[in-house]
Each structure stands twice: as structure tokens, then as C-alpha cells.
N, C-alpha and C. Protein backbone atom coordinates (compact mmCIF):
# COMPACT_ATOMS: atom_id res chain seq x y z
N MET A 1 53.11 9.04 -5.70
CA MET A 1 52.94 10.27 -6.45
C MET A 1 53.99 11.27 -6.02
N GLN A 2 54.57 11.94 -6.98
CA GLN A 2 55.54 12.99 -6.71
C GLN A 2 54.81 14.30 -6.45
N ILE A 3 55.29 15.05 -5.48
CA ILE A 3 54.77 16.39 -5.24
C ILE A 3 55.97 17.33 -5.27
N LYS A 4 56.28 17.78 -6.47
CA LYS A 4 57.45 18.64 -6.67
C LYS A 4 57.05 20.08 -6.99
N LYS A 5 55.80 20.26 -7.42
CA LYS A 5 55.31 21.60 -7.76
C LYS A 5 53.89 21.75 -7.21
N LYS A 6 53.48 22.99 -7.06
CA LYS A 6 52.11 23.23 -6.58
C LYS A 6 51.09 22.68 -7.56
N ASN A 7 51.45 22.58 -8.84
CA ASN A 7 50.54 22.00 -9.83
C ASN A 7 50.23 20.54 -9.50
N ASP A 8 51.19 19.84 -8.88
CA ASP A 8 50.96 18.45 -8.48
C ASP A 8 49.87 18.37 -7.42
N ILE A 9 49.83 19.36 -6.53
CA ILE A 9 48.78 19.41 -5.52
C ILE A 9 47.44 19.70 -6.18
N GLY A 10 47.45 20.54 -7.19
CA GLY A 10 46.23 20.81 -7.95
C GLY A 10 45.66 19.55 -8.56
N LEU A 11 46.53 18.66 -9.04
CA LEU A 11 46.07 17.39 -9.61
C LEU A 11 45.43 16.52 -8.53
N ILE A 12 46.01 16.55 -7.33
CA ILE A 12 45.40 15.79 -6.23
C ILE A 12 44.01 16.32 -5.92
N LEU A 13 43.87 17.65 -5.88
CA LEU A 13 42.56 18.24 -5.61
C LEU A 13 41.57 17.92 -6.72
N ASP A 14 42.04 17.94 -7.97
CA ASP A 14 41.16 17.64 -9.10
C ASP A 14 40.67 16.19 -9.06
N ASN A 15 41.47 15.32 -8.48
CA ASN A 15 41.14 13.89 -8.41
C ASN A 15 40.94 13.44 -6.97
N PHE A 16 40.42 14.34 -6.13
CA PHE A 16 40.31 14.09 -4.70
C PHE A 16 39.53 12.82 -4.39
N SER A 17 38.53 12.52 -5.17
CA SER A 17 37.71 11.33 -4.92
C SER A 17 38.51 10.04 -5.08
N SER A 18 39.62 10.08 -5.80
CA SER A 18 40.47 8.91 -5.96
C SER A 18 41.29 8.62 -4.71
N PHE A 19 41.53 9.65 -3.90
CA PHE A 19 42.38 9.52 -2.72
C PHE A 19 41.58 9.51 -1.42
N ALA A 20 40.38 10.04 -1.46
CA ALA A 20 39.60 10.28 -0.24
C ALA A 20 38.59 9.17 0.03
N LYS A 21 38.08 9.21 1.24
CA LYS A 21 37.00 8.32 1.65
C LYS A 21 35.71 9.12 1.72
N TRP A 22 34.58 8.44 1.64
CA TRP A 22 33.27 9.07 1.66
C TRP A 22 32.67 9.01 3.05
N ASP A 23 32.21 10.15 3.54
CA ASP A 23 31.49 10.24 4.81
C ASP A 23 30.02 10.45 4.46
N ALA A 24 29.23 9.38 4.52
CA ALA A 24 27.83 9.45 4.13
C ALA A 24 27.02 10.36 5.03
N SER A 25 27.28 10.33 6.33
CA SER A 25 26.50 11.17 7.24
C SER A 25 26.81 12.65 7.05
N GLY A 26 28.06 12.97 6.75
CA GLY A 26 28.44 14.37 6.54
C GLY A 26 28.35 14.81 5.09
N GLN A 27 28.08 13.85 4.20
CA GLN A 27 27.97 14.13 2.77
C GLN A 27 29.21 14.85 2.24
N LYS A 28 30.39 14.25 2.52
CA LYS A 28 31.64 14.86 2.09
C LYS A 28 32.70 13.78 1.90
N LEU A 29 33.70 14.12 1.10
CA LEU A 29 34.89 13.31 0.96
C LEU A 29 35.91 13.81 1.96
N TYR A 30 36.74 12.90 2.49
CA TYR A 30 37.75 13.35 3.44
C TYR A 30 39.03 12.53 3.30
N LEU A 31 40.13 13.18 3.66
CA LEU A 31 41.44 12.56 3.64
C LEU A 31 42.15 12.95 4.92
N VAL A 32 42.66 11.96 5.64
CA VAL A 32 43.37 12.20 6.90
C VAL A 32 44.86 12.04 6.64
N PHE A 33 45.65 13.00 7.13
CA PHE A 33 47.10 12.92 7.03
C PHE A 33 47.75 13.56 8.25
N ALA A 34 49.00 13.29 8.44
CA ALA A 34 49.71 13.71 9.65
C ALA A 34 49.85 15.23 9.74
N ASP A 35 49.71 15.72 10.95
CA ASP A 35 50.02 17.12 11.28
C ASP A 35 51.38 17.08 11.95
N ASN A 36 52.42 17.15 11.15
CA ASN A 36 53.78 16.98 11.66
C ASN A 36 54.22 18.12 12.57
N LYS A 37 53.63 19.28 12.41
CA LYS A 37 54.02 20.43 13.24
C LYS A 37 53.46 20.33 14.65
N ARG A 38 52.24 19.81 14.79
CA ARG A 38 51.61 19.75 16.11
C ARG A 38 51.52 18.34 16.66
N GLY A 39 51.96 17.36 15.90
CA GLY A 39 51.99 15.99 16.38
C GLY A 39 50.63 15.32 16.43
N GLY A 40 49.79 15.62 15.48
CA GLY A 40 48.47 15.01 15.43
C GLY A 40 48.11 14.65 14.01
N GLN A 41 46.88 15.00 13.63
CA GLN A 41 46.45 14.71 12.26
C GLN A 41 45.54 15.82 11.75
N TRP A 42 45.60 15.99 10.45
CA TRP A 42 44.69 16.88 9.73
C TRP A 42 43.64 16.03 9.04
N THR A 43 42.44 16.56 8.93
CA THR A 43 41.42 15.98 8.07
C THR A 43 41.03 17.04 7.06
N LEU A 44 41.29 16.76 5.80
CA LEU A 44 40.92 17.65 4.70
C LEU A 44 39.60 17.14 4.15
N MET A 45 38.62 18.04 4.06
CA MET A 45 37.28 17.65 3.61
C MET A 45 36.87 18.42 2.36
N ASN A 46 36.13 17.75 1.51
CA ASN A 46 35.62 18.34 0.27
C ASN A 46 34.13 18.07 0.18
N TYR A 47 33.37 19.15 0.11
CA TYR A 47 31.91 19.06 0.06
C TYR A 47 31.41 19.06 -1.39
N SER A 48 30.17 18.71 -1.58
CA SER A 48 29.60 18.57 -2.92
C SER A 48 29.63 19.88 -3.71
N ASP A 49 29.66 21.03 -3.02
CA ASP A 49 29.75 22.31 -3.72
C ASP A 49 31.19 22.70 -4.01
N ASP A 50 32.12 21.74 -3.86
CA ASP A 50 33.54 21.87 -4.14
C ASP A 50 34.28 22.79 -3.15
N ARG A 51 33.69 23.01 -1.97
CA ARG A 51 34.39 23.74 -0.92
C ARG A 51 35.28 22.77 -0.17
N PHE A 52 36.45 23.26 0.23
CA PHE A 52 37.37 22.47 1.03
C PHE A 52 37.48 23.08 2.41
N SER A 53 37.68 22.22 3.40
CA SER A 53 37.91 22.66 4.77
C SER A 53 38.94 21.73 5.40
N VAL A 54 39.45 22.16 6.55
CA VAL A 54 40.43 21.35 7.26
C VAL A 54 40.14 21.42 8.75
N HIS A 55 40.45 20.33 9.44
CA HIS A 55 40.28 20.26 10.88
C HIS A 55 41.45 19.49 11.45
N GLY A 56 42.00 19.97 12.56
CA GLY A 56 43.14 19.31 13.18
C GLY A 56 42.82 18.79 14.56
N ARG A 57 43.45 17.66 14.89
CA ARG A 57 43.30 17.10 16.24
C ARG A 57 44.53 16.28 16.57
N GLY A 58 44.83 16.26 17.85
CA GLY A 58 45.97 15.50 18.34
C GLY A 58 45.77 15.18 19.80
N GLN A 59 46.77 14.59 20.40
CA GLN A 59 46.67 14.20 21.80
C GLN A 59 46.51 15.41 22.71
N ASP A 60 47.18 16.51 22.36
CA ASP A 60 47.16 17.71 23.21
C ASP A 60 46.36 18.87 22.65
N TYR A 61 45.66 18.66 21.57
CA TYR A 61 44.89 19.76 20.98
C TYR A 61 43.72 19.23 20.17
N LEU A 62 42.75 20.09 19.98
CA LEU A 62 41.59 19.81 19.14
C LEU A 62 41.10 21.14 18.61
N ASP A 63 41.17 21.33 17.30
CA ASP A 63 40.67 22.57 16.72
C ASP A 63 39.20 22.71 17.06
N GLU A 64 38.78 23.92 17.38
CA GLU A 64 37.41 24.17 17.80
C GLU A 64 36.40 23.79 16.72
N LYS A 65 36.71 24.12 15.48
CA LYS A 65 35.83 23.77 14.37
C LYS A 65 36.65 23.69 13.10
N GLU A 66 36.06 23.17 12.05
CA GLU A 66 36.79 23.08 10.80
C GLU A 66 36.92 24.48 10.19
N ALA A 67 38.03 24.69 9.51
CA ALA A 67 38.30 25.98 8.86
C ALA A 67 38.09 25.81 7.36
N PHE A 68 37.21 26.64 6.79
CA PHE A 68 36.93 26.59 5.36
C PHE A 68 37.90 27.49 4.61
N PHE A 69 38.34 27.03 3.46
CA PHE A 69 39.23 27.81 2.60
C PHE A 69 38.37 28.67 1.67
N ASP A 70 38.77 29.93 1.54
CA ASP A 70 38.02 30.87 0.70
C ASP A 70 38.26 30.65 -0.79
N GLU A 71 39.43 30.18 -1.12
CA GLU A 71 39.75 29.99 -2.53
C GLU A 71 40.70 28.81 -2.70
N ARG A 72 40.79 28.33 -3.89
CA ARG A 72 41.61 27.14 -4.20
C ARG A 72 43.08 27.37 -3.87
N ASN A 73 43.60 28.56 -4.14
CA ASN A 73 45.01 28.83 -3.86
C ASN A 73 45.33 28.67 -2.37
N SER A 74 44.38 28.95 -1.51
CA SER A 74 44.59 28.78 -0.07
C SER A 74 44.72 27.31 0.29
N VAL A 75 43.92 26.48 -0.33
CA VAL A 75 44.01 25.03 -0.10
C VAL A 75 45.36 24.52 -0.59
N VAL A 76 45.74 24.94 -1.78
CA VAL A 76 47.01 24.51 -2.37
C VAL A 76 48.17 24.93 -1.48
N SER A 77 48.16 26.17 -0.99
CA SER A 77 49.24 26.65 -0.12
C SER A 77 49.30 25.85 1.18
N PHE A 78 48.15 25.57 1.77
CA PHE A 78 48.12 24.76 2.99
C PHE A 78 48.72 23.39 2.73
N LEU A 79 48.32 22.76 1.65
CA LEU A 79 48.82 21.42 1.34
C LEU A 79 50.29 21.44 0.95
N TRP A 80 50.72 22.51 0.30
CA TRP A 80 52.14 22.65 -0.05
C TRP A 80 52.98 22.69 1.23
N ASN A 81 52.50 23.39 2.24
CA ASN A 81 53.23 23.48 3.51
C ASN A 81 53.22 22.16 4.27
N ASN A 82 52.34 21.25 3.89
CA ASN A 82 52.22 19.93 4.52
C ASN A 82 52.43 18.81 3.51
N ARG A 83 53.22 19.08 2.48
CA ARG A 83 53.33 18.15 1.35
C ARG A 83 53.94 16.80 1.70
N ALA A 84 54.86 16.75 2.65
CA ALA A 84 55.46 15.46 3.00
C ALA A 84 54.39 14.53 3.58
N ALA A 85 53.56 15.06 4.47
CA ALA A 85 52.49 14.25 5.06
C ALA A 85 51.43 13.91 4.03
N LEU A 86 51.12 14.86 3.15
CA LEU A 86 50.15 14.61 2.09
C LEU A 86 50.65 13.50 1.17
N LYS A 87 51.90 13.57 0.80
CA LYS A 87 52.49 12.56 -0.08
C LYS A 87 52.38 11.16 0.56
N ALA A 88 52.67 11.09 1.84
CA ALA A 88 52.57 9.80 2.55
C ALA A 88 51.13 9.29 2.57
N ALA A 89 50.17 10.20 2.67
CA ALA A 89 48.76 9.79 2.73
C ALA A 89 48.24 9.32 1.39
N VAL A 90 48.69 9.91 0.30
CA VAL A 90 48.18 9.52 -1.01
C VAL A 90 49.03 8.44 -1.68
N ALA A 91 50.22 8.18 -1.16
CA ALA A 91 51.12 7.19 -1.77
C ALA A 91 50.52 5.80 -1.86
N PRO A 92 49.82 5.30 -0.83
CA PRO A 92 49.30 3.94 -0.93
C PRO A 92 48.28 3.75 -2.05
N THR A 93 47.63 4.82 -2.50
CA THR A 93 46.61 4.69 -3.51
C THR A 93 47.10 5.02 -4.90
N THR A 94 48.36 5.42 -5.04
CA THR A 94 48.88 5.78 -6.36
C THR A 94 49.78 4.74 -6.92
């Protein structure tokens, strides 16, 4: 999948279930991709009420808790800033 515009990220969010895995115990969809800035990984989560959150972890760090996005534009901006890693994570399924 090409990610050349923020609208492309919107399409990924609209079809998140096509790219994500299901966490039955947490009742959420999730997608793991590289955190290239900190050398670890991000987990993007989507709950049934369509809220998105993110959590980061790596060898030298662990975010204290997941951070929820207040609005869709915030999720899109976060993913835009991490688009190379996002593209690599969704490429195998597209």
C-alpha cells in the first residue's frame, strides 16, 4: 500500500480490521509496528467504540500506559509521522 497522503492513512484507519489482529481478552484490534525514533515498537489499538490509543515499548523504555487520541486527526498525524514503519507493517497484508 502506498502512503503518499494523509488520506491514505485515513483509509487504513477505515479498514483497520483488515490490517490488525484481535485481542479477545482486551476486546480490541491492534497493530504492532516499529518505533524507529526510539528503537522499539508501537502498538496501535482500536476499541469497539472506535477510540484509538498507542503504547510504546523497547529494550530501554516502556511507556507507563497507553495514550488515547482525542480525535481522528491526532491519530492520522501520529501515523503520518511514523508512515514508513506503518507502511512496512501493513504491506504484507495488502
